[in-house]
């Protein structure tokens, strides 16, 4: 992995963290589990992680073919 790929990964990660606050449905898709416990809750974002994994895989495959 060269420096450009690491930079791009960090840029995408930062954008996802920023989008998390801007897009209220991110982390609350159908397929994400929410378990109420007492006064709080535990959220297990299965569908969100699956979609993010597919997007990151496509990006990394594209970057791998260019070099």
PDB file of N, CA and C in Angstrom:
ATOM      1  N   UNK A   1       0.842  -1.174   0.000  1.00  0.00           N
ATOM      2  CA  UNK A   1       0.000   0.000   0.000  1.00  0.00           C
ATOM      3  C   UNK A   1       0.889   1.239   0.000  1.00  0.00           C
ATOM      4  N   UNK A   2       0.654   2.108  -0.930  1.00  0.00           N
ATOM      5  CA  UNK A   2       1.456   3.319  -0.981  1.00  0.00           C
ATOM      6  C   UNK A   2       0.797   4.436  -0.166  1.00  0.00           C
ATOM      7  N   UNK A   3       1.456   5.569  -0.069  1.00  0.00           N
ATOM      8  CA  UNK A   3       0.964   6.681   0.729  1.00  0.00           C
ATOM      9  C   UNK A   3      -0.354   7.233   0.220  1.00  0.00           C
ATOM     10  N   UNK A   4      -0.548   7.195  -1.102  1.00  0.00           N
ATOM     11  CA  UNK A   4      -1.787   7.693  -1.687  1.00  0.00           C
ATOM     12  C   UNK A   4      -2.984   6.863  -1.225  1.00  0.00           C
ATOM     13  N   UNK A   5      -2.832   5.565  -1.170  1.00  0.00           N
ATOM     14  CA  UNK A   5      -3.920   4.684  -0.744  1.00  0.00           C
ATOM     15  C   UNK A   5      -4.261   4.910   0.718  1.00  0.00           C
ATOM     16  N   UNK A   6      -3.241   5.079   1.551  1.00  0.00           N
ATOM     17  CA  UNK A   6      -3.479   5.332   2.974  1.00  0.00           C
ATOM     18  C   UNK A   6      -4.203   6.660   3.149  1.00  0.00           C
ATOM     19  N   UNK A   7      -3.770   7.682   2.407  1.00  0.00           N
ATOM     20  CA  UNK A   7      -4.430   8.987   2.467  1.00  0.00           C
ATOM     21  C   UNK A   7      -5.882   8.874   2.046  1.00  0.00           C
ATOM     22  N   UNK A   8      -6.149   8.167   0.965  1.00  0.00           N
ATOM     23  CA  UNK A   8      -7.510   8.012   0.486  1.00  0.00           C
ATOM     24  C   UNK A   8      -8.371   7.256   1.495  1.00  0.00           C
ATOM     25  N   UNK A   9      -7.812   6.221   2.118  1.00  0.00           N
ATOM     26  CA  UNK A   9      -8.534   5.474   3.139  1.00  0.00           C
ATOM     27  C   UNK A   9      -8.902   6.389   4.303  1.00  0.00           C
ATOM     28  N   UNK A  10      -7.951   7.180   4.784  1.00  0.00           N
ATOM     29  CA  UNK A  10      -8.224   8.097   5.892  1.00  0.00           C
ATOM     30  C   UNK A  10      -9.234   9.168   5.503  1.00  0.00           C
ATOM     31  N   UNK A  11      -9.183   9.618   4.266  1.00  0.00           N
ATOM     32  CA  UNK A  11     -10.150  10.606   3.780  1.00  0.00           C
ATOM     33  C   UNK A  11     -11.555  10.016   3.768  1.00  0.00           C
ATOM     34  N   UNK A  12     -11.698   8.794   3.277  1.00  0.00           N
ATOM     35  CA  UNK A  12     -13.005   8.136   3.246  1.00  0.00           C
ATOM     36  C   UNK A  12     -13.505   7.872   4.664  1.00  0.00           C
ATOM     37  N   UNK A  13     -12.616   7.430   5.549  1.00  0.00           N
ATOM     38  CA  UNK A  13     -12.994   7.180   6.935  1.00  0.00           C
ATOM     39  C   UNK A  13     -13.477   8.468   7.605  1.00  0.00           C
ATOM     40  N   UNK A  14     -12.786   9.558   7.372  1.00  0.00           N
ATOM     41  CA  UNK A  14     -13.205  10.844   7.918  1.00  0.00           C
ATOM     42  C   UNK A  14     -14.546  11.291   7.364  1.00  0.00           C
ATOM     43  N   UNK A  15     -14.770  11.047   6.070  1.00  0.00           N
ATOM     44  CA  UNK A  15     -16.050  11.411   5.467  1.00  0.00           C
ATOM     45  C   UNK A  15     -17.186  10.588   6.058  1.00  0.00           C
ATOM     46  N   UNK A  16     -16.931   9.317   6.327  1.00  0.00           N
ATOM     47  CA  UNK A  16     -17.953   8.467   6.935  1.00  0.00           C
ATOM     48  C   UNK A  16     -18.271   8.951   8.342  1.00  0.00           C
ATOM     49  N   UNK A  17     -17.236   9.311   9.090  1.00  0.00           N
ATOM     50  CA  UNK A  17     -17.467   9.829  10.455  1.00  0.00           C
ATOM     51  C   UNK A  17     -18.265  11.126  10.411  1.00  0.00           C
ATOM     52  N   UNK A  18     -17.988  11.987   9.444  1.00  0.00           N
ATOM     53  CA  UNK A  18     -18.723  13.237   9.308  1.00  0.00           C
ATOM     54  C   UNK A  18     -20.164  12.954   8.875  1.00  0.00           C
ATOM     55  N   UNK A  19     -20.338  12.031   7.932  1.00  0.00           N
ATOM     56  CA  UNK A  19     -21.684  11.696   7.457  1.00  0.00           C
ATOM     57  C   UNK A  19     -22.533  11.083   8.557  1.00  0.00           C
ATOM     58  N   UNK A  20     -21.895  10.397   9.482  1.00  0.00           N
ATOM     59  CA  UNK A  20     -22.633   9.755  10.579  1.00  0.00           C
ATOM     60  C   UNK A  20     -23.454  10.782  11.350  1.00  0.00           C
ATOM     61  N   UNK A  21     -22.931  11.993  11.492  1.00  0.00           N
ATOM     62  CA  UNK A  21     -23.679  13.038  12.196  1.00  0.00           C
ATOM     63  C   UNK A  21     -24.650  13.752  11.284  1.00  0.00           C
ATOM     64  N   UNK A  22     -24.440  13.699   9.981  1.00  0.00           N
ATOM     65  CA  UNK A  22     -25.281  14.427   9.028  1.00  0.00           C
ATOM     66  C   UNK A  22     -26.454  13.598   8.501  1.00  0.00           C
ATOM     67  N   UNK A  23     -26.299  12.281   8.496  1.00  0.00           N
ATOM     68  CA  UNK A  23     -27.326  11.388   7.945  1.00  0.00           C
ATOM     69  C   UNK A  23     -27.930  10.585   9.096  1.00  0.00           C
ATOM     70  N   UNK A  24     -29.135  10.961   9.543  1.00  0.00           N
ATOM     71  CA  UNK A  24     -29.693  10.312  10.733  1.00  0.00           C
ATOM     72  C   UNK A  24     -30.037   8.831  10.556  1.00  0.00           C
ATOM     73  N   UNK A  25     -30.280   8.375   9.328  1.00  0.00           N
ATOM     74  CA  UNK A  25     -30.657   6.973   9.133  1.00  0.00           C
ATOM     75  C   UNK A  25     -29.445   6.060   9.054  1.00  0.00           C
ATOM     76  N   UNK A  26     -28.236   6.618   8.973  1.00  0.00           N
ATOM     77  CA  UNK A  26     -27.037   5.791   8.921  1.00  0.00           C
ATOM     78  C   UNK A  26     -26.844   5.119  10.272  1.00  0.00           C
ATOM     79  N   UNK A  27     -26.870   3.806  10.288  1.00  0.00           N
ATOM     80  CA  UNK A  27     -26.812   3.049  11.533  1.00  0.00           C
ATOM     81  C   UNK A  27     -28.177   2.618  12.019  1.00  0.00           C
ATOM     82  N   UNK A  28     -29.213   3.022  11.298  1.00  0.00           N
ATOM     83  CA  UNK A  28     -30.581   2.649  11.661  1.00  0.00           C
ATOM     84  C   UNK A  28     -31.313   2.061  10.454  1.00  0.00           C
ATOM     85  N   UNK A  29     -30.609   1.303   9.649  1.00  0.00           N
ATOM     86  CA  UNK A  29     -31.207   0.672   8.470  1.00  0.00           C
ATOM     87  C   UNK A  29     -31.939  -0.597   8.883  1.00  0.00           C
ATOM     88  N   UNK A  30     -32.861  -1.071   8.034  1.00  0.00           N
ATOM     89  CA  UNK A  30     -33.463  -2.378   8.315  1.00  0.00           C
ATOM     90  C   UNK A  30     -32.346  -3.430   8.300  1.00  0.00           C
ATOM     91  N   UNK A  31     -32.288  -4.239   9.308  1.00  0.00           N
ATOM     92  CA  UNK A  31     -31.213  -5.210   9.435  1.00  0.00           C
ATOM     93  C   UNK A  31     -30.237  -4.828  10.536  1.00  0.00           C
ATOM     94  N   UNK A  32     -30.300  -3.591  11.004  1.00  0.00           N
ATOM     95  CA  UNK A  32     -29.508  -3.171  12.154  1.00  0.00           C
ATOM     96  C   UNK A  32     -30.291  -3.527  13.414  1.00  0.00           C
ATOM     97  N   UNK A  33     -29.613  -4.119  14.373  1.00  0.00           N
ATOM     98  CA  UNK A  33     -30.280  -4.555  15.599  1.00  0.00           C
ATOM     99  C   UNK A  33     -30.171  -3.488  16.675  1.00  0.00           C
ATOM    100  N   UNK A  34     -31.280  -3.223  17.356  1.00  0.00           N
ATOM    101  CA  UNK A  34     -31.298  -2.325  18.502  1.00  0.00           C
ATOM    102  C   UNK A  34     -31.886  -3.092  19.675  1.00  0.00           C
ATOM    103  N   UNK A  35     -31.107  -3.215  20.735  1.00  0.00           N
ATOM    104  CA  UNK A  35     -31.521  -3.985  21.904  1.00  0.00           C
ATOM    105  C   UNK A  35     -31.648  -3.027  23.087  1.00  0.00           C
ATOM    106  N   UNK A  36     -32.882  -2.810  23.574  1.00  0.00           N
ATOM    107  CA  UNK A  36     -33.039  -1.933  24.743  1.00  0.00           C
ATOM    108  C   UNK A  36     -32.578  -2.638  26.018  1.00  0.00           C
ATOM    109  N   UNK A  37     -31.762  -1.945  26.793  1.00  0.00           N
ATOM    110  CA  UNK A  37     -31.267  -2.486  28.054  1.00  0.00           C
ATOM    111  C   UNK A  37     -31.431  -1.396  29.117  1.00  0.00           C
ATOM    112  N   UNK A  38     -32.359  -1.604  30.022  1.00  0.00           N
ATOM    113  CA  UNK A  38     -32.586  -0.619  31.081  1.00  0.00           C
ATOM    114  C   UNK A  38     -32.947   0.734  30.506  1.00  0.00           C
ATOM    115  N   UNK A  39     -32.170   1.755  30.854  1.00  0.00           N
ATOM    116  CA  UNK A  39     -32.428   3.106  30.360  1.00  0.00           C
ATOM    117  C   UNK A  39     -31.664   3.403  29.078  1.00  0.00           C
ATOM    118  N   UNK A  40     -30.870   2.465  28.604  1.00  0.00           N
ATOM    119  CA  UNK A  40     -30.076   2.667  27.396  1.00  0.00           C
ATOM    120  C   UNK A  40     -30.418   1.652  26.326  1.00  0.00           C
ATOM    121  N   UNK A  41     -29.548   1.571  25.357  1.00  0.00           N
ATOM    122  CA  UNK A  41     -29.744   0.601  24.287  1.00  0.00           C
ATOM    123  C   UNK A  41     -28.397   0.223  23.682  1.00  0.00           C
ATOM    124  N   UNK A  42     -28.375  -0.940  23.074  1.00  0.00           N
ATOM    125  CA  UNK A  42     -27.194  -1.418  22.355  1.00  0.00           C
ATOM    126  C   UNK A  42     -27.584  -1.510  20.890  1.00  0.00           C
ATOM    127  N   UNK A  43     -26.799  -0.891  20.027  1.00  0.00           N
ATOM    128  CA  UNK A  43     -27.076  -0.908  18.592  1.00  0.00           C
ATOM    129  C   UNK A  43     -26.007  -1.730  17.903  1.00  0.00           C
ATOM    130  N   UNK A  44     -26.425  -2.721  17.115  1.00  0.00           N
ATOM    131  CA  UNK A  44     -25.511  -3.564  16.342  1.00  0.00           C
ATOM    132  C   UNK A  44     -25.839  -3.323  14.863  1.00  0.00           C
ATOM    133  N   UNK A  45     -25.044  -2.495  14.180  1.00  0.00           N
ATOM    134  CA  UNK A  45     -25.364  -2.084  12.809  1.00  0.00           C
ATOM    135  C   UNK A  45     -24.933  -3.106  11.750  1.00  0.00           C
ATOM    136  N   UNK A  46     -25.619  -4.227  11.673  1.00  0.00           N
ATOM    137  CA  UNK A  46     -25.237  -5.283  10.728  1.00  0.00           C
ATOM    138  C   UNK A  46     -25.369  -4.832   9.273  1.00  0.00           C
ATOM    139  N   UNK A  47     -26.528  -4.284   8.908  1.00  0.00           N
ATOM    140  CA  UNK A  47     -26.763  -3.866   7.523  1.00  0.00           C
ATOM    141  C   UNK A  47     -25.841  -2.718   7.130  1.00  0.00           C
ATOM    142  N   UNK A  48     -25.631  -1.777   8.042  1.00  0.00           N
ATOM    143  CA  UNK A  48     -24.755  -0.649   7.754  1.00  0.00           C
ATOM    144  C   UNK A  48     -23.323  -1.126   7.518  1.00  0.00           C
ATOM    145  N   UNK A  49     -22.855  -2.055   8.329  1.00  0.00           N
ATOM    146  CA  UNK A  49     -21.499  -2.598   8.160  1.00  0.00           C
ATOM    147  C   UNK A  49     -21.371  -3.375   6.860  1.00  0.00           C
ATOM    148  N   UNK A  50     -22.405  -4.104   6.495  1.00  0.00           N
ATOM    149  CA  UNK A  50     -22.377  -4.857   5.241  1.00  0.00           C
ATOM    150  C   UNK A  50     -22.278  -3.912   4.041  1.00  0.00           C
ATOM    151  N   UNK A  51     -23.073  -2.862   4.037  1.00  0.00           N
ATOM    152  CA  UNK A  51     -23.043  -1.894   2.940  1.00  0.00           C
ATOM    153  C   UNK A  51     -21.696  -1.183   2.901  1.00  0.00           C
ATOM    154  N   UNK A  52     -21.181  -0.783   4.054  1.00  0.00           N
ATOM    155  CA  UNK A  52     -19.872  -0.119   4.103  1.00  0.00           C
ATOM    156  C   UNK A  52     -18.773  -1.047   3.606  1.00  0.00           C
ATOM    157  N   UNK A  53     -18.844  -2.327   3.946  1.00  0.00           N
ATOM    158  CA  UNK A  53     -17.849  -3.295   3.508  1.00  0.00           C
ATOM    159  C   UNK A  53     -17.859  -3.451   1.992  1.00  0.00           C
ATOM    160  N   UNK A  54     -19.032  -3.506   1.413  1.00  0.00           N
ATOM    161  CA  UNK A  54     -19.137  -3.631  -0.048  1.00  0.00           C
ATOM    162  C   UNK A  54     -18.554  -2.389  -0.728  1.00  0.00           C
ATOM    163  N   UNK A  55     -18.861  -1.208  -0.204  1.00  0.00           N
ATOM    164  CA  UNK A  55     -18.353   0.031  -0.802  1.00  0.00           C
ATOM    165  C   UNK A  55     -16.831   0.106  -0.695  1.00  0.00           C
ATOM    166  N   UNK A  56     -16.292  -0.207   0.470  1.00  0.00           N
ATOM    167  CA  UNK A  56     -14.834  -0.167   0.648  1.00  0.00           C
ATOM    168  C   UNK A  56     -14.155  -1.214  -0.222  1.00  0.00           C
ATOM    169  N   UNK A  57     -14.740  -2.395  -0.361  1.00  0.00           N
ATOM    170  CA  UNK A  57     -14.172  -3.439  -1.216  1.00  0.00           C
ATOM    171  C   UNK A  57     -14.117  -2.983  -2.665  1.00  0.00           C
ATOM    172  N   UNK A  58     -15.181  -2.379  -3.143  1.00  0.00           N
ATOM    173  CA  UNK A  58     -15.211  -1.886  -4.530  1.00  0.00           C
ATOM    174  C   UNK A  58     -14.150  -0.809  -4.736  1.00  0.00           C
ATOM    175  N   UNK A  59     -14.012   0.107  -3.786  1.00  0.00           N
ATOM    176  CA  UNK A  59     -13.013   1.170  -3.894  1.00  0.00           C
ATOM    177  C   UNK A  59     -11.605   0.578  -3.917  1.00  0.00           C
ATOM    178  N   UNK A  60     -11.330  -0.364  -3.011  1.00  0.00           N
ATOM    179  CA  UNK A  60      -9.988  -0.944  -2.963  1.00  0.00           C
ATOM    180  C   UNK A  60      -9.679  -1.804  -4.196  1.00  0.00           C
ATOM    181  N   UNK A  61     -10.684  -2.487  -4.733  1.00  0.00           N
ATOM    182  CA  UNK A  61     -10.467  -3.242  -5.972  1.00  0.00           C
ATOM    183  C   UNK A  61     -10.151  -2.299  -7.132  1.00  0.00           C
ATOM    184  N   UNK A  62     -10.843  -1.188  -7.176  1.00  0.00           N
ATOM    185  CA  UNK A  62     -10.597  -0.190  -8.224  1.00  0.00           C
ATOM    186  C   UNK A  62      -9.196   0.378  -8.094  1.00  0.00           C
ATOM    187  N   UNK A  63      -8.783   0.708  -6.872  1.00  0.00           N
ATOM    188  CA  UNK A  63      -7.434   1.253  -6.653  1.00  0.00           C
ATOM    189  C   UNK A  63      -6.359   0.215  -6.953  1.00  0.00           C
ATOM    190  N   UNK A  64      -6.636  -1.049  -6.670  1.00  0.00           N
ATOM    191  CA  UNK A  64      -5.667  -2.106  -6.928  1.00  0.00           C
ATOM    192  C   UNK A  64      -5.433  -2.349  -8.406  1.00  0.00           C
ATOM    193  N   UNK A  65      -6.444  -2.145  -9.214  1.00  0.00           N
ATOM    194  CA  UNK A  65      -6.316  -2.380 -10.655  1.00  0.00           C
ATOM    195  C   UNK A  65      -5.605  -1.222 -11.358  1.00  0.00           C
ATOM    196  N   UNK A  66      -5.663  -0.033 -10.776  1.00  0.00           N
ATOM    197  CA  UNK A  66      -5.011   1.118 -11.412  1.00  0.00           C
ATOM    198  C   UNK A  66      -3.500   1.046 -11.321  1.00  0.00           C
ATOM    199  N   UNK A  67      -2.975   0.402 -10.293  1.00  0.00           N
ATOM    200  CA  UNK A  67      -1.515   0.420 -10.114  1.00  0.00           C
ATOM    201  C   UNK A  67      -0.846  -0.774 -10.736  1.00  0.00           C
TER     202      UNK A  67
END
